[in-house]
Amino acid sequence: MRSFRSLHNLVIVAGYALGAALYSRLPEEIQPSWTVADRGTVWSGAFMVAFLLPTAAAVTDGLLRSLYVRHPLDESASATVLATYDAIMLRFILFVMGVHATLLAGVVGMLQGRAWAVQVVPVMLGLTMISVGNLLPRTRPNLAIGIRTPRTLSDRAFWVRTHRMAGYTVVSLGFVIVLAAIAVPPPIGSGMILLVGPIGAVGMGCFMWYSKHARS
């Protein structure tokens, strides 16, 4: 568990370091901006591009883990289950830092003229979904991550069934995104991201409705 926490911090620090390294190469005039008396227009967009995503990842991880540990449900704070939470959050942080690196590279012009650049984020998203989907069945009722409804939070067996199905769904949709991004020409391939979310939500909604009424 400590190794995961160390990796969390290392990845976030790497994101800050990359932002600091490329900060001087970012265009100065990036929105948002405001006008200050005697100073003219002040631009803050470059600072946000360089450091906002690492900060968002660090804050999100800290808040969710605090919620997870301080308000346990069932066995959700046990060492094994907490390690599963940390593993899921590590994958989330890696994805966010991957988007951060891609954004920085695009803004400073490193990706100019590279047709494959539009495939990077969809492929990263698909791989993250596959990796996270494999871990979802190991989660247990908690207030931080997962499908949190009154039924899943109060019924451990129903949580396990729901997240086993959610894992299958997320992994399958992750494969669809990766294959579409690689094999289907843009913008259709990368646009698959806009379809898999609603498809997954409808599928899980139908599964939960059926599970509820089949056992009524």
C-alpha atoms as a PDB file:
ATOM      1  CA  MET A   1       0.000   0.000   0.000  1.00  0.00           C
ATOM      2  CA  ARG A   2       2.848   2.398   0.788  1.00  0.00           C
ATOM      3  CA  SER A   3       4.393   1.646  -2.605  1.00  0.00           C
ATOM      4  CA  PHE A   4       1.182   2.771  -4.327  1.00  0.00           C
ATOM      5  CA  ARG A   5       1.126   5.984  -2.300  1.00  0.00           C
ATOM      6  CA  SER A   6       4.757   6.651  -3.207  1.00  0.00           C
ATOM      7  CA  LEU A   7       3.948   6.087  -6.875  1.00  0.00           C
ATOM      8  CA  HIS A   8       0.981   8.484  -6.603  1.00  0.00           C
ATOM      9  CA  ASN A   9       3.260  11.221  -5.291  1.00  0.00           C
ATOM     10  CA  LEU A  10       6.032  10.448  -7.767  1.00  0.00           C
ATOM     11  CA  VAL A  11       3.705  10.670 -10.778  1.00  0.00           C
ATOM     12  CA  ILE A  12       2.176  13.948  -9.559  1.00  0.00           C
ATOM     13  CA  VAL A  13       5.616  15.451  -8.863  1.00  0.00           C
ATOM     14  CA  ALA A  14       6.674  14.403 -12.372  1.00  0.00           C
ATOM     15  CA  GLY A  15       3.653  16.284 -13.734  1.00  0.00           C
ATOM     16  CA  TYR A  16       4.658  19.429 -11.848  1.00  0.00           C
ATOM     17  CA  ALA A  17       8.262  19.039 -13.032  1.00  0.00           C
ATOM     18  CA  LEU A  18       7.175  18.741 -16.646  1.00  0.00           C
ATOM     19  CA  GLY A  19       5.004  21.832 -16.322  1.00  0.00           C
ATOM     20  CA  ALA A  20       7.885  23.782 -14.780  1.00  0.00           C
ATOM     21  CA  ALA A  21      10.295  22.604 -17.486  1.00  0.00           C
ATOM     22  CA  LEU A  22       8.022  23.730 -20.335  1.00  0.00           C
ATOM     23  CA  TYR A  23       6.534  26.822 -18.665  1.00  0.00           C
ATOM     24  CA  SER A  24       8.937  29.243 -20.358  1.00  0.00           C
ATOM     25  CA  ARG A  25       7.979  27.844 -23.775  1.00  0.00           C
ATOM     26  CA  LEU A  26       4.246  28.372 -23.321  1.00  0.00           C
ATOM     27  CA  PRO A  27       2.636  31.335 -25.109  1.00  0.00           C
ATOM     28  CA  GLU A  28       2.172  34.215 -22.716  1.00  0.00           C
ATOM     29  CA  GLU A  29      -1.281  35.225 -23.907  1.00  0.00           C
ATOM     30  CA  ILE A  30      -3.435  32.259 -22.892  1.00  0.00           C
ATOM     31  CA  GLN A  31      -6.880  32.840 -21.410  1.00  0.00           C
ATOM     32  CA  PRO A  32      -8.128  33.572 -18.823  1.00  0.00           C
ATOM     33  CA  SER A  33      -6.986  37.138 -18.390  1.00  0.00           C
ATOM     34  CA  TRP A  34      -8.039  40.312 -16.628  1.00  0.00           C
ATOM     35  CA  THR A  35      -7.126  43.974 -16.699  1.00  0.00           C
ATOM     36  CA  VAL A  36      -5.267  45.485 -13.742  1.00  0.00           C
ATOM     37  CA  ALA A  37      -4.816  49.208 -13.278  1.00  0.00           C
ATOM     38  CA  ASP A  38      -1.276  50.357 -14.168  1.00  0.00           C
ATOM     39  CA  ARG A  39      -0.319  46.827 -15.272  1.00  0.00           C
ATOM     40  CA  GLY A  40      -2.531  46.283 -18.280  1.00  0.00           C
ATOM     41  CA  THR A  41      -3.679  42.769 -19.135  1.00  0.00           C
ATOM     42  CA  VAL A  42      -2.606  39.958 -16.832  1.00  0.00           C
ATOM     43  CA  TRP A  43      -2.651  36.474 -18.360  1.00  0.00           C
ATOM     44  CA  SER A  44      -2.923  33.389 -16.137  1.00  0.00           C
ATOM     45  CA  GLY A  45      -3.587  30.710 -18.721  1.00  0.00           C
ATOM     46  CA  ALA A  46       0.035  29.594 -19.069  1.00  0.00           C
ATOM     47  CA  PHE A  47       0.300  28.963 -15.326  1.00  0.00           C
ATOM     48  CA  MET A  48      -2.931  26.949 -15.412  1.00  0.00           C
ATOM     49  CA  VAL A  49      -1.790  24.870 -18.397  1.00  0.00           C
ATOM     50  CA  ALA A  50       1.491  24.093 -16.620  1.00  0.00           C
ATOM     51  CA  PHE A  51       0.158  23.211 -13.172  1.00  0.00           C
ATOM     52  CA  LEU A  52      -3.640  22.854 -13.030  1.00  0.00           C
ATOM     53  CA  LEU A  53      -3.961  19.147 -13.889  1.00  0.00           C
ATOM     54  CA  PRO A  54      -1.287  17.944 -11.424  1.00  0.00           C
ATOM     55  CA  THR A  55      -2.968  20.043  -8.733  1.00  0.00           C
ATOM     56  CA  ALA A  56      -6.407  18.661  -9.609  1.00  0.00           C
ATOM     57  CA  ALA A  57      -5.067  15.087  -9.465  1.00  0.00           C
ATOM     58  CA  ALA A  58      -3.398  15.664  -6.088  1.00  0.00           C
ATOM     59  CA  VAL A  59      -6.474  17.318  -4.547  1.00  0.00           C
ATOM     60  CA  THR A  60      -8.861  14.678  -5.919  1.00  0.00           C
ATOM     61  CA  ASP A  61      -6.715  11.835  -4.650  1.00  0.00           C
ATOM     62  CA  GLY A  62      -6.305  13.418  -1.222  1.00  0.00           C
ATOM     63  CA  LEU A  63      -9.999  14.194  -0.752  1.00  0.00           C
ATOM     64  CA  LEU A  64     -11.264  10.824  -1.973  1.00  0.00           C
ATOM     65  CA  ARG A  65      -8.773   8.825   0.077  1.00  0.00           C
ATOM     66  CA  SER A  66      -9.631  10.828   3.176  1.00  0.00           C
ATOM     67  CA  LEU A  67     -13.323  10.106   2.579  1.00  0.00           C
ATOM     68  CA  TYR A  68     -12.536   6.439   1.988  1.00  0.00           C
ATOM     69  CA  VAL A  69     -10.519   6.032   5.187  1.00  0.00           C
ATOM     70  CA  ARG A  70     -12.492   8.252   7.581  1.00  0.00           C
ATOM     71  CA  HIS A  71     -15.958   6.948   6.650  1.00  0.00           C
ATOM     72  CA  PRO A  72     -15.549   3.204   6.115  1.00  0.00           C
ATOM     73  CA  LEU A  73     -18.473   0.989   5.197  1.00  0.00           C
ATOM     74  CA  ASP A  74     -18.286  -2.716   5.944  1.00  0.00           C
ATOM     75  CA  GLU A  75     -14.639  -3.770   5.402  1.00  0.00           C
ATOM     76  CA  SER A  76     -13.830  -0.914   3.024  1.00  0.00           C
ATOM     77  CA  ALA A  77     -10.887   0.323   5.113  1.00  0.00           C
ATOM     78  CA  SER A  78      -9.122  -3.034   5.352  1.00  0.00           C
ATOM     79  CA  ALA A  79      -5.576  -3.178   3.995  1.00  0.00           C
ATOM     80  CA  THR A  80      -6.445  -5.336   0.974  1.00  0.00           C
ATOM     81  CA  VAL A  81      -9.447  -3.297  -0.111  1.00  0.00           C
ATOM     82  CA  LEU A  82      -7.631  -0.013   0.494  1.00  0.00           C
ATOM     83  CA  ALA A  83      -4.807  -1.265  -1.719  1.00  0.00           C
ATOM     84  CA  THR A  84      -7.380  -1.823  -4.476  1.00  0.00           C
ATOM     85  CA  TYR A  85      -8.578   1.758  -4.071  1.00  0.00           C
ATOM     86  CA  ASP A  86      -4.998   3.038  -4.278  1.00  0.00           C
ATOM     87  CA  ALA A  87      -4.369   0.948  -7.393  1.00  0.00           C
ATOM     88  CA  ILE A  88      -7.442   2.421  -9.101  1.00  0.00           C
ATOM     89  CA  MET A  89      -6.453   5.967  -8.172  1.00  0.00           C
ATOM     90  CA  LEU A  90      -2.915   5.389  -9.436  1.00  0.00           C
ATOM     91  CA  ARG A  91      -4.327   4.535 -12.854  1.00  0.00           C
ATOM     92  CA  PHE A  92      -6.523   7.627 -12.759  1.00  0.00           C
ATOM     93  CA  ILE A  93      -3.541   9.811 -11.871  1.00  0.00           C
ATOM     94  CA  LEU A  94      -1.429   8.265 -14.634  1.00  0.00           C
ATOM     95  CA  PHE A  95      -4.177   9.057 -17.137  1.00  0.00           C
ATOM     96  CA  VAL A  96      -4.515  12.661 -15.949  1.00  0.00           C
ATOM     97  CA  MET A  97      -0.743  13.153 -16.108  1.00  0.00           C
ATOM     98  CA  GLY A  98      -0.730  11.616 -19.585  1.00  0.00           C
ATOM     99  CA  VAL A  99      -3.337  14.158 -20.687  1.00  0.00           C
ATOM    100  CA  HIS A 100      -1.258  16.859 -18.979  1.00  0.00           C
ATOM    101  CA  ALA A 101       1.867  15.857 -20.923  1.00  0.00           C
ATOM    102  CA  THR A 102      -0.062  15.669 -24.196  1.00  0.00           C
ATOM    103  CA  LEU A 103      -1.602  19.100 -23.606  1.00  0.00           C
ATOM    104  CA  LEU A 104       1.757  20.671 -22.837  1.00  0.00           C
ATOM    105  CA  ALA A 105       3.354  19.063 -25.883  1.00  0.00           C
ATOM    106  CA  GLY A 106       0.547  20.332 -28.085  1.00  0.00           C
ATOM    107  CA  VAL A 107       0.622  23.882 -26.765  1.00  0.00           C
ATOM    108  CA  VAL A 108       4.394  24.253 -27.216  1.00  0.00           C
ATOM    109  CA  GLY A 109       4.202  22.834 -30.740  1.00  0.00           C
ATOM    110  CA  MET A 110       5.826  19.427 -30.239  1.00  0.00           C
ATOM    111  CA  LEU A 111       2.864  17.616 -31.833  1.00  0.00           C
ATOM    112  CA  GLN A 112       2.439  19.917 -34.817  1.00  0.00           C
ATOM    113  CA  GLY A 113       2.099  17.961 -38.051  1.00  0.00           C
ATOM    114  CA  ARG A 114       1.840  14.588 -36.308  1.00  0.00           C
ATOM    115  CA  ALA A 115      -1.362  12.901 -37.428  1.00  0.00           C
ATOM    116  CA  TRP A 116      -1.183  10.314 -34.655  1.00  0.00           C
ATOM    117  CA  ALA A 117      -1.461  12.998 -31.982  1.00  0.00           C
ATOM    118  CA  VAL A 118      -5.273  12.852 -32.032  1.00  0.00           C
ATOM    119  CA  GLN A 119      -5.096   9.166 -31.108  1.00  0.00           C
ATOM    120  CA  VAL A 120      -3.023   9.597 -27.968  1.00  0.00           C
ATOM    121  CA  VAL A 121      -5.707  10.624 -25.474  1.00  0.00           C
ATOM    122  CA  PRO A 122      -8.354   8.111 -26.689  1.00  0.00           C
ATOM    123  CA  VAL A 123      -5.814   5.282 -26.497  1.00  0.00           C
ATOM    124  CA  MET A 124      -4.748   6.354 -23.000  1.00  0.00           C
ATOM    125  CA  LEU A 125      -8.397   6.547 -21.932  1.00  0.00           C
ATOM    126  CA  GLY A 126      -9.162   3.097 -23.312  1.00  0.00           C
ATOM    127  CA  LEU A 127      -6.128   1.525 -21.625  1.00  0.00           C
ATOM    128  CA  THR A 128      -7.055   3.221 -18.341  1.00  0.00           C
ATOM    129  CA  MET A 129     -10.603   1.872 -18.582  1.00  0.00           C
ATOM    130  CA  ILE A 130      -9.319  -1.648 -19.224  1.00  0.00           C
ATOM    131  CA  SER A 131      -6.967  -1.446 -16.260  1.00  0.00           C
ATOM    132  CA  VAL A 132      -9.537   0.072 -13.886  1.00  0.00           C
ATOM    133  CA  GLY A 133     -12.262  -2.310 -15.059  1.00  0.00           C
ATOM    134  CA  ASN A 134     -10.112  -5.263 -14.019  1.00  0.00           C
ATOM    135  CA  LEU A 135      -9.957  -3.837 -10.490  1.00  0.00           C
ATOM    136  CA  LEU A 136     -13.610  -2.865  -9.992  1.00  0.00           C
ATOM    137  CA  PRO A 137     -14.764  -6.354  -8.890  1.00  0.00           C
ATOM    138  CA  ARG A 138     -12.291  -6.169  -5.978  1.00  0.00           C
ATOM    139  CA  THR A 139     -13.865  -3.023  -4.497  1.00  0.00           C
ATOM    140  CA  ARG A 140     -16.284  -3.138  -1.582  1.00  0.00           C
ATOM    141  CA  PRO A 141     -18.975  -0.652  -0.431  1.00  0.00           C
ATOM    142  CA  ASN A 142     -17.445   2.780   0.112  1.00  0.00           C
ATOM    143  CA  LEU A 143     -18.301   6.454  -0.244  1.00  0.00           C
ATOM    144  CA  ALA A 144     -15.400   7.416  -2.537  1.00  0.00           C
ATOM    145  CA  ILE A 145     -15.451   5.367  -5.754  1.00  0.00           C
ATOM    146  CA  GLY A 146     -17.782   3.005  -7.567  1.00  0.00           C
ATOM    147  CA  ILE A 147     -21.521   2.926  -8.249  1.00  0.00           C
ATOM    148  CA  ARG A 148     -22.870   4.363  -5.014  1.00  0.00           C
ATOM    149  CA  THR A 149     -26.622   3.965  -4.618  1.00  0.00           C
ATOM    150  CA  PRO A 150     -28.610   3.236  -1.441  1.00  0.00           C
ATOM    151  CA  ARG A 151     -28.914  -0.395  -2.564  1.00  0.00           C
ATOM    152  CA  THR A 152     -25.249  -0.991  -3.380  1.00  0.00           C
ATOM    153  CA  LEU A 153     -24.051   0.775  -0.219  1.00  0.00           C
ATOM    154  CA  SER A 154     -26.353  -1.229   2.062  1.00  0.00           C
ATOM    155  CA  ASP A 155     -26.114  -4.621   0.333  1.00  0.00           C
ATOM    156  CA  ARG A 156     -22.560  -5.935   0.054  1.00  0.00           C
ATOM    157  CA  ALA A 157     -23.544  -8.841  -2.201  1.00  0.00           C
ATOM    158  CA  PHE A 158     -25.358  -6.493  -4.574  1.00  0.00           C
ATOM    159  CA  TRP A 159     -22.309  -4.184  -4.640  1.00  0.00           C
ATOM    160  CA  VAL A 160     -20.094  -7.122  -5.594  1.00  0.00           C
ATOM    161  CA  ARG A 161     -22.460  -8.284  -8.391  1.00  0.00           C
ATOM    162  CA  THR A 162     -22.882  -4.749  -9.710  1.00  0.00           C
ATOM    163  CA  HIS A 163     -19.165  -3.999  -9.804  1.00  0.00           C
ATOM    164  CA  ARG A 164     -18.330  -7.357 -11.351  1.00  0.00           C
ATOM    165  CA  MET A 165     -20.675  -6.471 -14.210  1.00  0.00           C
ATOM    166  CA  ALA A 166     -19.345  -2.888 -14.241  1.00  0.00           C
ATOM    167  CA  GLY A 167     -15.827  -4.292 -14.568  1.00  0.00           C
ATOM    168  CA  TYR A 168     -16.798  -6.384 -17.592  1.00  0.00           C
ATOM    169  CA  THR A 169     -18.548  -3.377 -19.132  1.00  0.00           C
ATOM    170  CA  VAL A 170     -15.704  -0.920 -18.564  1.00  0.00           C
ATOM    171  CA  VAL A 171     -13.079  -3.352 -19.899  1.00  0.00           C
ATOM    172  CA  SER A 172     -15.163  -4.064 -23.024  1.00  0.00           C
ATOM    173  CA  LEU A 173     -15.755  -0.387 -23.721  1.00  0.00           C
ATOM    174  CA  GLY A 174     -12.075   0.332 -23.130  1.00  0.00           C
ATOM    175  CA  PHE A 175     -11.146  -2.176 -25.831  1.00  0.00           C
ATOM    176  CA  VAL A 176     -13.665  -0.529 -28.188  1.00  0.00           C
ATOM    177  CA  ILE A 177     -12.104   2.906 -27.616  1.00  0.00           C
ATOM    178  CA  VAL A 178      -8.545   1.656 -28.166  1.00  0.00           C
ATOM    179  CA  LEU A 179      -9.395  -0.275 -31.330  1.00  0.00           C
ATOM    180  CA  ALA A 180     -11.501   2.571 -32.729  1.00  0.00           C
ATOM    181  CA  ALA A 181      -8.792   5.150 -32.033  1.00  0.00           C
ATOM    182  CA  ILE A 182      -6.145   3.002 -33.738  1.00  0.00           C
ATOM    183  CA  ALA A 183      -8.071   1.436 -36.610  1.00  0.00           C
ATOM    184  CA  VAL A 184     -10.808   3.945 -37.489  1.00  0.00           C
ATOM    185  CA  PRO A 185      -9.808   7.237 -39.150  1.00  0.00           C
ATOM    186  CA  PRO A 186     -10.482  10.422 -37.138  1.00  0.00           C
ATOM    187  CA  PRO A 187     -12.723  12.055 -36.232  1.00  0.00           C
ATOM    188  CA  ILE A 188     -14.922   8.932 -36.143  1.00  0.00           C
ATOM    189  CA  GLY A 189     -12.412   6.806 -34.243  1.00  0.00           C
ATOM    190  CA  SER A 190     -11.680   9.345 -31.531  1.00  0.00           C
ATOM    191  CA  GLY A 191     -15.384  10.257 -31.452  1.00  0.00           C
ATOM    192  CA  MET A 192     -16.211   6.817 -30.054  1.00  0.00           C
ATOM    193  CA  ILE A 193     -15.534   8.348 -26.634  1.00  0.00           C
ATOM    194  CA  LEU A 194     -18.831  10.213 -26.986  1.00  0.00           C
ATOM    195  CA  LEU A 195     -20.724   6.942 -27.516  1.00  0.00           C
ATOM    196  CA  VAL A 196     -19.288   4.530 -24.981  1.00  0.00           C
ATOM    197  CA  GLY A 197     -20.307   6.608 -21.949  1.00  0.00           C
ATOM    198  CA  PRO A 198     -24.041   6.572 -22.693  1.00  0.00           C
ATOM    199  CA  ILE A 199     -23.847   2.928 -23.815  1.00  0.00           C
ATOM    200  CA  GLY A 200     -22.167   1.908 -20.572  1.00  0.00           C
ATOM    201  CA  ALA A 201     -24.589   3.945 -18.445  1.00  0.00           C
ATOM    202  CA  VAL A 202     -27.634   2.423 -20.154  1.00  0.00           C
ATOM    203  CA  GLY A 203     -26.195  -1.073 -19.884  1.00  0.00           C
ATOM    204  CA  MET A 204     -25.454  -0.743 -16.166  1.00  0.00           C
ATOM    205  CA  GLY A 205     -28.834   0.870 -15.548  1.00  0.00           C
ATOM    206  CA  CYS A 206     -30.584  -2.079 -17.208  1.00  0.00           C
ATOM    207  CA  PHE A 207     -28.498  -4.558 -15.218  1.00  0.00           C
ATOM    208  CA  MET A 208     -29.268  -2.878 -11.887  1.00  0.00           C
ATOM    209  CA  TRP A 209     -32.974  -2.589 -12.719  1.00  0.00           C
ATOM    210  CA  TYR A 210     -33.140  -6.262 -13.671  1.00  0.00           C
ATOM    211  CA  SER A 211     -31.203  -7.354 -10.577  1.00  0.00           C
ATOM    212  CA  LYS A 212     -33.480  -5.346  -8.318  1.00  0.00           C
ATOM    213  CA  HIS A 213     -36.768  -6.581  -9.773  1.00  0.00           C
ATOM    214  CA  ALA A 214     -35.666 -10.166 -10.392  1.00  0.00           C
ATOM    215  CA  ARG A 215     -35.037 -10.549  -6.650  1.00  0.00           C
ATOM    216  CA  SER A 216     -38.087  -8.635  -5.472  1.00  0.00           C
END
